[in-house]
């Protein structure tokens, strides 16, 4: 009997497009009245204004047309994903990331706990700034050397590095592929609520790092069993490249906060950074272009997933059933305490992330549906974003549809079963911290 395999993410997204089309025949069309909030200038839903309208079922031709239209409408996000992915692929090709990590390992060779804590913070920072995941695949051989050197298990090193990066992306205030994207779609000021997010980011990351350090010791392995590796001194080009990456992020954050930057400005600055890094890293003009193209190839599918998620929304919008879905969600939630409604949103986002493994695509898919719902029940849009950010982001640690996770586990020689056995306990604590954050946000945000 042929083994049934988990559907490819593209098939899953196309299935959602088909499902959305079918729903336009099953769900009555309807609309809320909307008005402009004088204080914020945002378009908001008028509570109690829902009314059914004439059905507008979507045909097969319109369904097929929604696929390229969705990719086109999400073009700015798709381009941002490709360019940032390409730029960091160039950085990886220069060897700057690997050289920096090797230097860090040797410098703290006699302080394993401090070394691991710094590595965790480093990866968490990268996750918060850029949603680092797939880039870790190329670092696995170096991480395995680290685990052997300090006598720690492979799964604990994977947990420390990948887990910290995912927590950074899920809890941090600056991941362009999740929180910033969700804030823009939800029409919430970029970086608003940043201090609140940083508090729970620090709590979650501290717990995760200490858990990995305390539970990562490999039985029967000692530091003396492996020779010390003395890396070459971090070269001037590598120092300059790492500095350029840091400065680029600083400029991006300042531009988003003070210059009203959008996706295109972010794409432009990272594109320039990638070119400059390639030259400084001595890849040459052709080598830089080749590295960029390879980076594009690695990330193009993630961009298409974002476009397909937009296609789902376009079908629902064309069939005029989005407001009906919102109304259906609102009815059972209107009499519940806001805290329970917020927790329900986080749980739903976690479940949804299994068939929709793209955090960017999930933001584009769910924010237009949930932000009007929040307006109706008197919940802050920031809480809706938190529920999405935590639900989708944390699930990247365990969902088998996360290609980055599965590739890293395979490269490290860690089975998915062993990983789940190792990670499920701290994962529950991380979800508990997220739940406390969401509930607290109901009253504080």
Protein backbone atom coordinates (compact mmCIF):
# COMPACT_ATOMS: atom_id res chain seq x y z
CA UNK A 1 0.00 0.00 0.00
CA UNK A 2 1.41 3.37 -1.02
CA UNK A 3 2.11 5.67 1.90
CA UNK A 4 0.01 8.85 1.93
CA UNK A 5 2.28 11.87 2.08
CA UNK A 6 1.50 15.29 3.55
CA UNK A 7 0.24 17.59 0.76
CA UNK A 8 2.67 20.08 -0.73
CA UNK A 9 2.08 23.63 0.62
CA UNK A 10 1.21 24.90 -2.87
CA UNK A 11 -1.46 22.21 -3.21
CA UNK A 12 -2.80 23.18 0.20
CA UNK A 13 -3.03 26.86 -0.79
CA UNK A 14 -4.70 26.02 -4.10
CA UNK A 15 -7.14 23.83 -2.18
CA UNK A 16 -8.00 26.86 -0.05
CA UNK A 17 -8.62 28.89 -3.22
CA UNK A 18 -11.01 26.17 -4.42
CA UNK A 19 -12.64 25.99 -0.97
CA UNK A 20 -13.09 29.77 -0.94
CA UNK A 21 -14.78 29.53 -4.35
CA UNK A 22 -17.14 26.81 -3.13
CA UNK A 23 -17.99 28.90 -0.07
CA UNK A 24 -19.20 31.73 -2.30
CA UNK A 25 -22.00 29.35 -3.35
CA UNK A 26 -22.78 28.18 0.19
CA UNK A 27 -22.42 31.32 2.33
CA UNK A 28 -24.89 34.19 1.84
CA UNK A 29 -23.36 37.45 0.60
CA UNK A 30 -23.50 40.38 2.97
CA UNK A 31 -21.80 43.59 4.00
CA UNK A 32 -21.21 45.87 6.95
CA UNK A 33 -21.40 49.62 6.59
CA UNK A 34 -18.05 51.28 7.08
CA UNK A 35 -17.03 54.74 8.14
CA UNK A 36 -13.83 56.72 8.68
CA UNK A 37 -12.71 57.17 12.28
CA UNK A 38 -12.03 60.89 12.71
CA UNK A 39 -9.37 60.28 15.37
CA UNK A 40 -7.28 57.72 13.52
CA UNK A 41 -8.33 58.17 9.90
CA UNK A 42 -8.89 54.41 9.63
CA UNK A 43 -11.85 52.76 7.99
CA UNK A 44 -13.84 50.92 10.65
CA UNK A 45 -16.91 48.70 10.68
CA UNK A 46 -20.18 50.17 11.93
CA UNK A 47 -21.41 47.86 14.67
CA UNK A 48 -24.84 46.33 14.02
CA UNK A 49 -24.87 47.40 10.36
CA UNK A 50 -24.54 43.95 8.76
CA UNK A 51 -27.10 43.16 6.06
CA UNK A 52 -27.33 40.40 3.47
CA UNK A 53 -26.95 41.30 -0.20
CA UNK A 54 -27.53 39.52 -3.48
CA UNK A 55 -25.32 36.44 -3.86
CA UNK A 56 -22.22 36.84 -6.04
CA UNK A 57 -20.84 33.28 -6.54
CA UNK A 58 -17.39 33.10 -8.15
CA UNK A 59 -17.09 31.08 -11.37
CA UNK A 60 -14.23 28.84 -12.45
CA UNK A 61 -12.79 31.50 -14.74
CA UNK A 62 -12.80 34.11 -11.96
CA UNK A 63 -11.23 31.59 -9.61
CA UNK A 64 -8.39 30.89 -12.03
CA UNK A 65 -7.93 34.63 -12.62
CA UNK A 66 -7.66 35.26 -8.88
CA UNK A 67 -4.34 33.37 -8.75
CA UNK A 68 -2.26 35.76 -10.89
CA UNK A 69 -4.24 38.72 -9.55
CA UNK A 70 -3.41 37.71 -5.98
CA UNK A 71 0.29 37.48 -6.77
CA UNK A 72 0.15 40.87 -8.51
CA UNK A 73 -1.69 42.52 -5.60
CA UNK A 74 0.89 41.14 -3.19
CA UNK A 75 3.78 42.15 -5.45
CA UNK A 76 5.40 44.54 -2.97
CA UNK A 77 5.51 41.84 -0.28
CA UNK A 78 6.72 39.21 -2.76
CA UNK A 79 9.53 41.49 -3.96
CA UNK A 80 10.53 42.27 -0.37
CA UNK A 81 10.78 38.56 0.44
CA UNK A 82 12.88 37.85 -2.65
CA UNK A 83 15.26 40.77 -2.20
CA UNK A 84 15.86 40.27 1.53
CA UNK A 85 16.31 36.55 0.94
CA UNK A 86 18.74 37.23 -1.90
CA UNK A 87 20.69 39.78 0.12
CA UNK A 88 21.18 37.42 3.04
CA UNK A 89 22.16 34.63 0.71
CA UNK A 90 24.95 36.92 -0.53
CA UNK A 91 26.01 37.58 3.07
CA UNK A 92 26.08 33.83 3.73
CA UNK A 93 28.17 33.23 0.58
CA UNK A 94 30.84 35.65 1.82
CA UNK A 95 31.35 33.47 4.89
CA UNK A 96 30.84 36.42 7.26
CA UNK A 97 28.11 34.75 9.32
CA UNK A 98 30.10 31.54 9.70
CA UNK A 99 33.33 33.36 10.53
CA UNK A 100 31.56 35.48 13.14
CA UNK A 101 30.09 32.42 14.83
CA UNK A 102 33.42 30.55 14.78
CA UNK A 103 35.12 33.54 16.41
CA UNK A 104 32.41 33.67 19.06
CA UNK A 105 32.77 29.95 19.82
CA UNK A 106 36.54 30.18 20.36
CA UNK A 107 36.36 33.36 22.46
CA UNK A 108 34.03 31.73 24.99
CA UNK A 109 35.41 28.20 24.83
CA UNK A 110 35.86 28.08 28.62
CA UNK A 111 32.42 29.53 29.45
CA UNK A 112 29.93 27.19 27.82
CA UNK A 113 26.81 28.54 29.51
CA UNK A 114 27.61 32.14 28.61
CA UNK A 115 28.54 31.10 25.07
CA UNK A 116 25.22 29.29 24.56
CA UNK A 117 23.28 32.21 26.00
CA UNK A 118 25.02 34.62 23.62
CA UNK A 119 24.40 32.30 20.66
CA UNK A 120 20.73 32.11 21.62
CA UNK A 121 20.46 35.90 21.86
CA UNK A 122 22.28 36.26 18.51
CA UNK A 123 19.85 33.95 16.72
CA UNK A 124 16.85 35.48 18.49
CA UNK A 125 17.93 38.93 17.37
CA UNK A 126 18.23 37.71 13.78
CA UNK A 127 14.79 36.12 14.07
CA UNK A 128 13.29 39.33 15.41
CA UNK A 129 14.88 41.41 12.67
CA UNK A 130 14.50 39.13 9.66
CA UNK A 131 12.51 36.02 10.56
CA UNK A 132 15.67 33.90 10.31
CA UNK A 133 14.91 30.21 9.66
CA UNK A 134 15.93 28.73 6.31
CA UNK A 135 19.29 30.51 6.52
CA UNK A 136 20.17 28.27 9.47
CA UNK A 137 20.32 25.25 7.16
CA UNK A 138 23.72 26.35 5.85
CA UNK A 139 25.00 26.79 9.42
CA UNK A 140 24.11 23.27 10.61
CA UNK A 141 27.63 21.78 10.07
CA UNK A 142 29.14 24.55 12.18
CA UNK A 143 26.48 24.10 14.86
CA UNK A 144 27.24 20.38 15.01
CA UNK A 145 30.90 21.22 15.62
CA UNK A 146 29.76 23.49 18.44
CA UNK A 147 27.65 20.72 19.98
CA UNK A 148 30.56 18.24 19.85
CA UNK A 149 33.00 20.76 21.25
CA UNK A 150 31.01 21.58 24.36
CA UNK A 151 29.44 18.15 24.90
CA UNK A 152 25.85 19.07 24.06
CA UNK A 153 23.30 17.04 22.11
CA UNK A 154 22.47 17.86 18.51
CA UNK A 155 18.80 18.47 19.24
CA UNK A 156 19.66 20.91 22.03
CA UNK A 157 21.86 22.97 19.68
CA UNK A 158 19.11 22.91 17.04
CA UNK A 159 16.63 23.89 19.75
CA UNK A 160 18.83 26.70 20.99
CA UNK A 161 19.52 28.22 17.57
CA UNK A 162 16.37 27.52 15.57
CA UNK A 163 14.11 27.83 18.62
CA UNK A 164 15.61 31.18 19.63
CA UNK A 165 15.26 32.48 16.07
CA UNK A 166 11.61 31.39 15.93
CA UNK A 167 10.87 32.94 19.33
CA UNK A 168 12.51 36.13 18.10
CA UNK A 169 10.26 36.14 15.04
CA UNK A 170 7.15 35.22 17.05
CA UNK A 171 7.60 37.58 20.01
CA UNK A 172 9.80 40.39 18.67
CA UNK A 173 8.48 43.79 17.51
CA UNK A 174 10.34 44.11 14.21
CA UNK A 175 10.00 40.98 12.03
CA UNK A 176 9.07 42.40 8.59
CA UNK A 177 7.48 39.10 7.54
CA UNK A 178 5.06 38.85 10.46
CA UNK A 179 4.41 41.65 12.94
CA UNK A 180 5.27 44.58 10.64
CA UNK A 181 3.29 43.05 7.78
CA UNK A 182 0.34 42.34 10.09
CA UNK A 183 0.44 45.87 11.49
CA UNK A 184 0.38 47.34 8.01
CA UNK A 185 -2.52 45.13 6.89
CA UNK A 186 -4.40 45.89 10.11
CA UNK A 187 -3.66 49.62 9.66
CA UNK A 188 -1.84 49.85 12.98
CA UNK A 189 1.25 52.11 13.29
CA UNK A 190 4.46 50.19 12.60
CA UNK A 191 6.37 49.28 15.78
CA UNK A 192 3.48 50.38 18.00
CA UNK A 193 3.27 48.21 21.11
CA UNK A 194 6.97 47.49 20.70
CA UNK A 195 7.89 47.87 24.37
CA UNK A 196 5.07 45.52 25.41
CA UNK A 197 6.28 42.92 22.92
CA UNK A 198 9.88 43.28 24.11
CA UNK A 199 8.89 42.48 27.70
CA UNK A 200 7.32 39.14 26.79
CA UNK A 201 10.05 38.52 24.19
CA UNK A 202 12.59 38.75 27.00
CA UNK A 203 10.58 36.44 29.28
CA UNK A 204 10.02 33.79 26.59
CA UNK A 205 13.60 33.89 25.29
CA UNK A 206 15.12 33.73 28.77
CA UNK A 207 13.08 30.65 29.62
CA UNK A 208 13.89 28.96 26.30
CA UNK A 209 17.64 29.59 26.50
CA UNK A 210 17.91 28.44 30.12
CA UNK A 211 15.87 25.33 29.36
CA UNK A 212 18.07 24.42 26.39
CA UNK A 213 21.26 25.02 28.37
CA UNK A 214 20.02 23.04 31.35
CA UNK A 215 18.69 20.08 29.36
CA UNK A 216 21.14 19.87 26.49
CA UNK A 217 24.03 17.92 28.02
CA UNK A 218 24.95 14.88 25.95
CA UNK A 219 25.30 11.85 28.22
CA UNK A 220 28.83 10.39 28.20
CA UNK A 221 30.39 13.27 26.23
CA UNK A 222 32.93 15.67 27.65
CA UNK A 223 34.60 18.74 26.30
CA UNK A 224 38.02 17.12 26.33
CA UNK A 225 36.96 14.42 23.87
CA UNK A 226 37.06 16.89 20.98
CA UNK A 227 39.95 19.14 20.04
CA UNK A 228 39.71 22.89 20.34
CA UNK A 229 39.32 24.69 17.04
CA UNK A 230 41.18 27.96 16.74
CA UNK A 231 39.62 29.96 13.93
CA UNK A 232 41.41 32.55 11.91
CA UNK A 233 41.01 36.09 13.17
CA UNK A 234 37.81 37.68 11.90
CA UNK A 235 38.95 39.40 8.73
CA UNK A 236 38.41 43.09 8.02
CA UNK A 237 35.98 42.32 5.15
CA UNK A 238 33.92 40.07 7.41
CA UNK A 239 33.88 42.72 10.14
CA UNK A 240 32.75 45.32 7.63
CA UNK A 241 30.03 43.01 6.25
CA UNK A 242 28.59 42.26 9.68
CA UNK A 243 28.64 45.98 10.47
CA UNK A 244 26.87 46.73 7.15
CA UNK A 245 24.13 44.24 8.01
CA UNK A 246 23.63 45.86 11.43
CA UNK A 247 23.59 49.39 9.97
CA UNK A 248 21.09 48.34 7.30
CA UNK A 249 18.65 47.14 9.95
CA UNK A 250 19.13 50.33 11.96
CA UNK A 251 18.37 52.45 8.88
CA UNK A 252 15.34 50.27 8.05
CA UNK A 253 13.89 50.62 11.54
CA UNK A 254 14.48 54.38 11.54
CA UNK A 255 12.98 54.73 8.07
CA UNK A 256 9.85 52.81 9.00
CA UNK A 257 9.46 54.86 12.18
CA UNK A 258 10.33 58.35 10.95
CA UNK A 259 10.34 58.50 7.14
CA UNK A 260 7.07 56.70 6.42
CA UNK A 261 8.89 53.91 4.58
CA UNK A 262 6.98 51.05 3.02
CA UNK A 263 7.87 47.72 1.38
CA UNK A 264 9.60 49.26 -1.63
CA UNK A 265 11.97 51.35 0.49
CA UNK A 266 12.88 48.29 2.56
CA UNK A 267 13.48 46.30 -0.62
CA UNK A 268 15.70 49.05 -2.02
CA UNK A 269 17.97 49.34 1.00
CA UNK A 270 18.45 45.56 1.29
CA UNK A 271 19.12 45.29 -2.43
CA UNK A 272 21.88 47.90 -2.12
CA UNK A 273 23.23 46.15 0.98
CA UNK A 274 23.42 42.82 -0.86
CA UNK A 275 25.34 44.34 -3.76
CA UNK A 276 27.75 46.18 -1.44
CA UNK A 277 28.30 43.05 0.69
CA UNK A 278 29.13 41.02 -2.42
CA UNK A 279 31.77 43.52 -3.48
CA UNK A 280 33.27 43.84 0.00
CA UNK A 281 33.19 40.05 0.36
CA UNK A 282 35.17 39.70 -2.88
CA UNK A 283 32.49 37.74 -4.67
CA UNK A 284 32.92 40.03 -7.66
CA UNK A 285 30.12 41.49 -9.76
CA UNK A 286 29.21 38.22 -11.44
CA UNK A 287 29.59 36.23 -8.22
CA UNK A 288 27.32 38.63 -6.38
CA UNK A 289 24.72 38.43 -9.13
CA UNK A 290 24.90 34.63 -9.09
CA UNK A 291 24.51 34.52 -5.30
CA UNK A 292 21.55 36.88 -5.55
CA UNK A 293 19.88 34.70 -8.16
CA UNK A 294 20.41 31.61 -6.01
CA UNK A 295 18.87 33.46 -3.07
CA UNK A 296 15.89 34.44 -5.21
CA UNK A 297 15.44 30.80 -6.17
CA UNK A 298 15.41 29.77 -2.50
CA UNK A 299 12.72 32.30 -1.56
CA UNK A 300 10.52 32.50 -4.65
CA UNK A 301 8.17 29.80 -3.39
CA UNK A 302 7.61 31.73 -0.14
CA UNK A 303 6.66 34.72 -2.27
CA UNK A 304 4.21 32.67 -4.34
CA UNK A 305 2.59 31.38 -1.14
CA UNK A 306 1.96 34.98 -0.09
CA UNK A 307 0.38 35.67 -3.48
CA UNK A 308 -1.83 32.58 -3.23
CA UNK A 309 -2.97 33.65 0.22
CA UNK A 310 -4.00 36.96 -1.31
CA UNK A 311 -5.88 35.04 -4.01
CA UNK A 312 -7.98 33.36 -1.33
CA UNK A 313 -8.93 36.76 0.02
CA UNK A 314 -9.76 38.05 -3.47
CA UNK A 315 -12.15 35.16 -4.06
CA UNK A 316 -13.89 35.78 -0.75
CA UNK A 317 -14.06 39.49 -1.52
CA UNK A 318 -15.42 38.92 -5.03
CA UNK A 319 -18.14 36.67 -3.61
CA UNK A 320 -18.95 39.33 -0.96
CA UNK A 321 -18.86 36.76 1.84
CA UNK A 322 -16.00 38.21 3.92
CA UNK A 323 -18.34 40.31 6.04
CA UNK A 324 -20.66 37.33 6.42
CA UNK A 325 -17.74 35.27 7.77
CA UNK A 326 -16.83 38.12 10.11
CA UNK A 327 -20.44 38.32 11.27
CA UNK A 328 -20.51 34.56 11.84
CA UNK A 329 -17.34 34.81 13.94
CA UNK A 330 -18.66 37.77 15.87
CA UNK A 331 -21.97 36.20 16.87
CA UNK A 332 -20.51 33.48 19.14
CA UNK A 333 -17.82 35.82 20.49
CA UNK A 334 -19.89 38.88 21.33
CA UNK A 335 -21.08 37.50 24.68
CA UNK A 336 -17.72 36.01 25.67
CA UNK A 337 -15.16 37.84 27.79
CA UNK A 338 -12.59 39.53 25.57
CA UNK A 339 -9.82 37.42 27.10
CA UNK A 340 -11.48 34.20 25.94
CA UNK A 341 -12.07 35.68 22.48
CA UNK A 342 -8.39 36.64 22.23
CA UNK A 343 -7.24 33.20 23.32
CA UNK A 344 -9.61 31.63 20.80
CA UNK A 345 -8.01 33.71 18.05
CA UNK A 346 -4.53 32.54 19.06
CA UNK A 347 -5.58 28.89 19.08
CA UNK A 348 -7.25 29.28 15.67
CA UNK A 349 -4.10 30.90 14.24
CA UNK A 350 -2.01 28.01 15.59
CA UNK A 351 -4.21 25.42 13.93
CA UNK A 352 -4.37 27.38 10.68
CA UNK A 353 -0.57 27.51 10.51
CA UNK A 354 -0.38 23.77 9.89
CA UNK A 355 -1.95 23.95 6.41
CA UNK A 356 -0.69 27.53 5.83
CA UNK A 357 3.02 27.38 6.75
CA UNK A 358 3.83 30.90 5.53
CA UNK A 359 3.58 33.47 8.33
CA UNK A 360 3.45 36.25 5.74
CA UNK A 361 0.69 34.51 3.82
CA UNK A 362 -1.24 33.90 7.01
CA UNK A 363 -1.06 37.58 7.94
CA UNK A 364 -2.37 38.62 4.53
CA UNK A 365 -5.11 35.99 4.80
CA UNK A 366 -6.37 36.56 8.33
CA UNK A 367 -5.79 40.19 9.26
CA UNK A 368 -8.45 41.59 6.88
CA UNK A 369 -10.95 39.18 8.46
CA UNK A 370 -10.04 39.60 12.12
CA UNK A 371 -9.37 43.32 12.48
CA UNK A 372 -12.98 44.31 11.69
CA UNK A 373 -14.08 41.62 14.14
CA UNK A 374 -11.90 43.22 16.81
CA UNK A 375 -13.49 46.60 16.09
CA UNK A 376 -16.94 45.09 16.53
CA UNK A 377 -16.29 43.46 19.91
CA UNK A 378 -14.19 46.31 21.31
CA UNK A 379 -10.82 44.54 21.19
CA UNK A 380 -7.60 46.35 20.40
CA UNK A 381 -6.19 45.50 16.97
CA UNK A 382 -2.84 45.06 18.69
CA UNK A 383 -4.28 42.07 20.57
CA UNK A 384 -5.45 40.54 17.28
CA UNK A 385 -1.92 40.97 15.92
CA UNK A 386 -0.45 39.41 19.06
CA UNK A 387 -2.78 36.40 18.69
CA UNK A 388 -1.64 35.98 15.08
CA UNK A 389 2.03 36.62 15.87
CA UNK A 390 2.18 34.07 18.68
CA UNK A 391 -0.13 31.45 17.19
CA UNK A 392 1.51 31.29 13.77
CA UNK A 393 5.07 32.00 14.89
CA UNK A 394 5.35 29.50 17.74
CA UNK A 395 3.87 26.71 15.63
CA UNK A 396 6.91 26.97 13.35
CA UNK A 397 8.72 25.02 16.07
CA UNK A 398 6.69 21.87 15.49
CA UNK A 399 4.52 21.94 12.36
CA UNK A 400 5.76 19.38 9.80
CA UNK A 401 4.69 21.69 6.98
CA UNK A 402 7.49 24.12 7.96
CA UNK A 403 10.12 23.27 5.35
CA UNK A 404 12.85 25.16 7.20
CA UNK A 405 12.34 23.11 10.36
CA UNK A 406 12.28 19.79 8.53
CA UNK A 407 15.39 20.65 6.46
CA UNK A 408 17.36 21.70 9.55
CA UNK A 409 16.39 18.53 11.42
CA UNK A 410 17.41 16.40 8.44
CA UNK A 411 20.75 18.18 8.08
CA UNK A 412 21.46 17.76 11.80
CA UNK A 413 20.49 14.09 11.80
CA UNK A 414 17.64 14.62 14.28
CA UNK A 415 14.41 12.73 13.65
CA UNK A 416 11.12 14.60 13.79
CA UNK A 417 9.93 12.20 16.51
CA UNK A 418 12.99 12.90 18.66
CA UNK A 419 12.54 16.62 18.14
CA UNK A 420 8.89 16.56 19.25
CA UNK A 421 9.77 14.42 22.26
CA UNK A 422 12.44 16.96 23.23
CA UNK A 423 10.56 20.17 22.45
CA UNK A 424 6.97 19.66 23.55
CA UNK A 425 7.44 20.54 27.24
CA UNK A 426 9.21 23.89 26.77
CA UNK A 427 6.83 24.60 23.88
CA UNK A 428 3.85 24.39 26.24
CA UNK A 429 5.52 26.92 28.55
CA UNK A 430 6.12 29.25 25.59
CA UNK A 431 2.43 29.00 24.67
CA UNK A 432 1.56 29.75 28.31
CA UNK A 433 3.71 32.91 28.20
CA UNK A 434 2.02 33.90 24.94
CA UNK A 435 -1.41 33.32 26.49
CA UNK A 436 -0.54 35.56 29.44
CA UNK A 437 0.64 38.23 27.00
CA UNK A 438 -2.59 38.05 24.98
CA UNK A 439 -4.81 38.17 28.07
CA UNK A 440 -2.80 41.05 29.58
CA UNK A 441 -2.96 42.87 26.25
CA UNK A 442 -6.76 42.88 26.39
CA UNK A 443 -6.54 45.30 29.32
CA UNK A 444 -3.25 47.07 28.63
CA UNK A 445 -3.21 47.69 24.85
